[in-house]
Amino acid sequence: MDEGESTGTTGFDPDNAELLETAPVSASGDVTIPDRVCDTLGLTPPGLVAFYESDTGEVFMKRVPSASEMRGFAARNAEATTDTPASELLRAKRNSDQCDLE
């Protein structure tokens, strides 16, 4: 791979990324997310993170918005009504987002 070349479709280039921290993995597989990473992600307890794997096998971590941050999602959706279940709205939004990527 040439210098500065991206590692796949993610656009992530580890040679041009800043290493924030490293963290040990316990025998049971637990990892404590370092404070600096929590600050960067805006992660506060009790928080939730999601792990994504790229086509090249790289794993990325992203903060999952809390329920209170998602409040109003349905209200911002022009087709939202009180008769539409949230799961249906989220499914439609996810499908719409996937279509936008294609």
C-alpha atoms as a PDB file:
ATOM      1  CA  MET A   1       0.000   0.000   0.000  1.00  0.00           C
ATOM      2  CA  ASP A   2       1.350   3.430  -0.947  1.00  0.00           C
ATOM      3  CA  GLU A   3       1.855   6.122   1.666  1.00  0.00           C
ATOM      4  CA  GLY A   4      -1.401   7.993   2.341  1.00  0.00           C
ATOM      5  CA  GLU A   5      -3.483   5.384   0.510  1.00  0.00           C
ATOM      6  CA  SER A   6      -6.812   4.616   2.109  1.00  0.00           C
ATOM      7  CA  THR A   7      -7.395   1.104   3.467  1.00  0.00           C
ATOM      8  CA  GLY A   8     -10.604   0.266   1.643  1.00  0.00           C
ATOM      9  CA  THR A   9     -13.943   1.940   1.262  1.00  0.00           C
ATOM     10  CA  THR A  10     -13.974   3.513   4.732  1.00  0.00           C
ATOM     11  CA  GLY A  11     -11.536   6.281   3.864  1.00  0.00           C
ATOM     12  CA  PHE A  12      -9.671   5.513   7.088  1.00  0.00           C
ATOM     13  CA  ASP A  13      -5.910   5.842   6.780  1.00  0.00           C
ATOM     14  CA  PRO A  14      -4.135   4.637   9.941  1.00  0.00           C
ATOM     15  CA  ASP A  15      -0.918   6.371   8.872  1.00  0.00           C
ATOM     16  CA  ASN A  16      -2.714   9.725   9.040  1.00  0.00           C
ATOM     17  CA  ALA A  17      -4.781   9.029  12.162  1.00  0.00           C
ATOM     18  CA  GLU A  18      -3.921  10.094  15.683  1.00  0.00           C
ATOM     19  CA  LEU A  19      -3.584   7.285  18.225  1.00  0.00           C
ATOM     20  CA  LEU A  20      -5.652   8.465  21.170  1.00  0.00           C
ATOM     21  CA  GLU A  21      -4.973   5.701  23.669  1.00  0.00           C
ATOM     22  CA  THR A  22      -4.386   2.010  24.114  1.00  0.00           C
ATOM     23  CA  ALA A  23      -6.237  -0.143  26.637  1.00  0.00           C
ATOM     24  CA  PRO A  24      -5.604  -3.621  28.020  1.00  0.00           C
ATOM     25  CA  VAL A  25      -8.053  -6.455  27.450  1.00  0.00           C
ATOM     26  CA  SER A  26      -8.860  -8.565  30.514  1.00  0.00           C
ATOM     27  CA  ALA A  27      -8.941 -12.365  30.496  1.00  0.00           C
ATOM     28  CA  SER A  28     -12.737 -12.161  30.182  1.00  0.00           C
ATOM     29  CA  GLY A  29     -12.494  -9.802  27.179  1.00  0.00           C
ATOM     30  CA  ASP A  30     -13.413  -6.600  29.035  1.00  0.00           C
ATOM     31  CA  VAL A  31     -11.877  -3.297  27.968  1.00  0.00           C
ATOM     32  CA  THR A  32     -12.204  -0.048  29.881  1.00  0.00           C
ATOM     33  CA  ILE A  33     -12.580   2.820  27.442  1.00  0.00           C
ATOM     34  CA  PRO A  34      -9.953   5.423  28.368  1.00  0.00           C
ATOM     35  CA  ASP A  35     -11.144   8.859  29.555  1.00  0.00           C
ATOM     36  CA  ARG A  36      -9.614  10.616  26.550  1.00  0.00           C
ATOM     37  CA  VAL A  37     -11.568   8.377  24.150  1.00  0.00           C
ATOM     38  CA  CYS A  38     -14.775   8.911  26.145  1.00  0.00           C
ATOM     39  CA  ASP A  39     -14.205  12.665  25.947  1.00  0.00           C
ATOM     40  CA  THR A  40     -13.581  12.507  22.200  1.00  0.00           C
ATOM     41  CA  LEU A  41     -16.744  10.451  21.626  1.00  0.00           C
ATOM     42  CA  GLY A  42     -18.827  12.447  24.093  1.00  0.00           C
ATOM     43  CA  LEU A  43     -19.504   9.185  25.923  1.00  0.00           C
ATOM     44  CA  THR A  44     -20.854   9.338  29.470  1.00  0.00           C
ATOM     45  CA  PRO A  45     -22.100   6.517  31.695  1.00  0.00           C
ATOM     46  CA  PRO A  46     -24.406   4.789  31.226  1.00  0.00           C
ATOM     47  CA  GLY A  47     -23.455   4.978  27.571  1.00  0.00           C
ATOM     48  CA  LEU A  48     -23.485   2.591  24.670  1.00  0.00           C
ATOM     49  CA  VAL A  49     -21.002   2.108  21.851  1.00  0.00           C
ATOM     50  CA  ALA A  50     -21.370   0.224  18.586  1.00  0.00           C
ATOM     51  CA  PHE A  51     -18.601  -1.618  16.783  1.00  0.00           C
ATOM     52  CA  TYR A  52     -18.452  -1.671  12.986  1.00  0.00           C
ATOM     53  CA  GLU A  53     -16.256  -3.817  10.760  1.00  0.00           C
ATOM     54  CA  SER A  54     -15.100  -2.465   7.408  1.00  0.00           C
ATOM     55  CA  ASP A  55     -14.690  -4.496   4.233  1.00  0.00           C
ATOM     56  CA  THR A  56     -10.993  -4.703   5.034  1.00  0.00           C
ATOM     57  CA  GLY A  57     -11.539  -6.113   8.536  1.00  0.00           C
ATOM     58  CA  GLU A  58     -10.830  -2.913  10.460  1.00  0.00           C
ATOM     59  CA  VAL A  59     -13.062  -2.332  13.470  1.00  0.00           C
ATOM     60  CA  PHE A  60     -14.409   1.098  14.363  1.00  0.00           C
ATOM     61  CA  MET A  61     -16.193   2.231  17.493  1.00  0.00           C
ATOM     62  CA  LYS A  62     -18.936   4.855  17.502  1.00  0.00           C
ATOM     63  CA  ARG A  63     -21.080   6.281  20.291  1.00  0.00           C
ATOM     64  CA  VAL A  64     -24.749   5.317  20.111  1.00  0.00           C
ATOM     65  CA  PRO A  65     -27.048   8.272  20.801  1.00  0.00           C
ATOM     66  CA  SER A  66     -29.046   7.952  24.010  1.00  0.00           C
ATOM     67  CA  ALA A  67     -32.825   7.692  24.047  1.00  0.00           C
ATOM     68  CA  SER A  68     -33.076  11.301  25.198  1.00  0.00           C
ATOM     69  CA  GLU A  69     -30.913  12.412  22.252  1.00  0.00           C
ATOM     70  CA  MET A  70     -33.196  10.494  19.898  1.00  0.00           C
ATOM     71  CA  ARG A  71     -36.278  12.158  21.371  1.00  0.00           C
ATOM     72  CA  GLY A  72     -37.881  14.207  18.658  1.00  0.00           C
ATOM     73  CA  PHE A  73     -36.580  11.979  15.843  1.00  0.00           C
ATOM     74  CA  ALA A  74     -40.114  11.023  14.877  1.00  0.00           C
ATOM     75  CA  ALA A  75     -41.297  14.618  15.156  1.00  0.00           C
ATOM     76  CA  ARG A  76     -38.615  15.695  12.654  1.00  0.00           C
ATOM     77  CA  ASN A  77     -39.871  13.068  10.205  1.00  0.00           C
ATOM     78  CA  ALA A  78     -42.438  14.699   7.892  1.00  0.00           C
ATOM     79  CA  GLU A  79     -44.470  11.481   7.717  1.00  0.00           C
ATOM     80  CA  ALA A  80     -44.537  10.915  11.468  1.00  0.00           C
ATOM     81  CA  THR A  81     -47.880  10.401  13.146  1.00  0.00           C
ATOM     82  CA  THR A  82     -48.832   9.107  16.550  1.00  0.00           C
ATOM     83  CA  ASP A  83     -50.224   6.016  14.784  1.00  0.00           C
ATOM     84  CA  THR A  84     -46.836   4.944  13.379  1.00  0.00           C
ATOM     85  CA  PRO A  85     -44.708   2.784  15.688  1.00  0.00           C
ATOM     86  CA  ALA A  86     -41.172   4.069  16.297  1.00  0.00           C
ATOM     87  CA  SER A  87     -39.705   0.782  15.062  1.00  0.00           C
ATOM     88  CA  GLU A  88     -41.425   1.297  11.703  1.00  0.00           C
ATOM     89  CA  LEU A  89     -40.139   4.882  11.447  1.00  0.00           C
ATOM     90  CA  LEU A  90     -36.599   3.785  12.270  1.00  0.00           C
ATOM     91  CA  ARG A  91     -36.785   0.934   9.746  1.00  0.00           C
ATOM     92  CA  ALA A  92     -37.931   3.363   7.036  1.00  0.00           C
ATOM     93  CA  LYS A  93     -35.158   5.820   7.955  1.00  0.00           C
ATOM     94  CA  ARG A  94     -32.528   3.059   7.866  1.00  0.00           C
ATOM     95  CA  ASN A  95     -33.777   1.878   4.453  1.00  0.00           C
ATOM     96  CA  SER A  96     -33.749   5.464   3.174  1.00  0.00           C
ATOM     97  CA  ASP A  97     -30.173   5.964   4.411  1.00  0.00           C
ATOM     98  CA  GLN A  98     -29.053   2.723   2.728  1.00  0.00           C
ATOM     99  CA  CYS A  99     -30.633   3.808  -0.569  1.00  0.00           C
ATOM    100  CA  ASP A 100     -28.773   7.126  -0.343  1.00  0.00           C
ATOM    101  CA  LEU A 101     -25.466   5.216  -0.119  1.00  0.00           C
ATOM    102  CA  GLU A 102     -26.117   3.236  -3.292  1.00  0.00           C
END
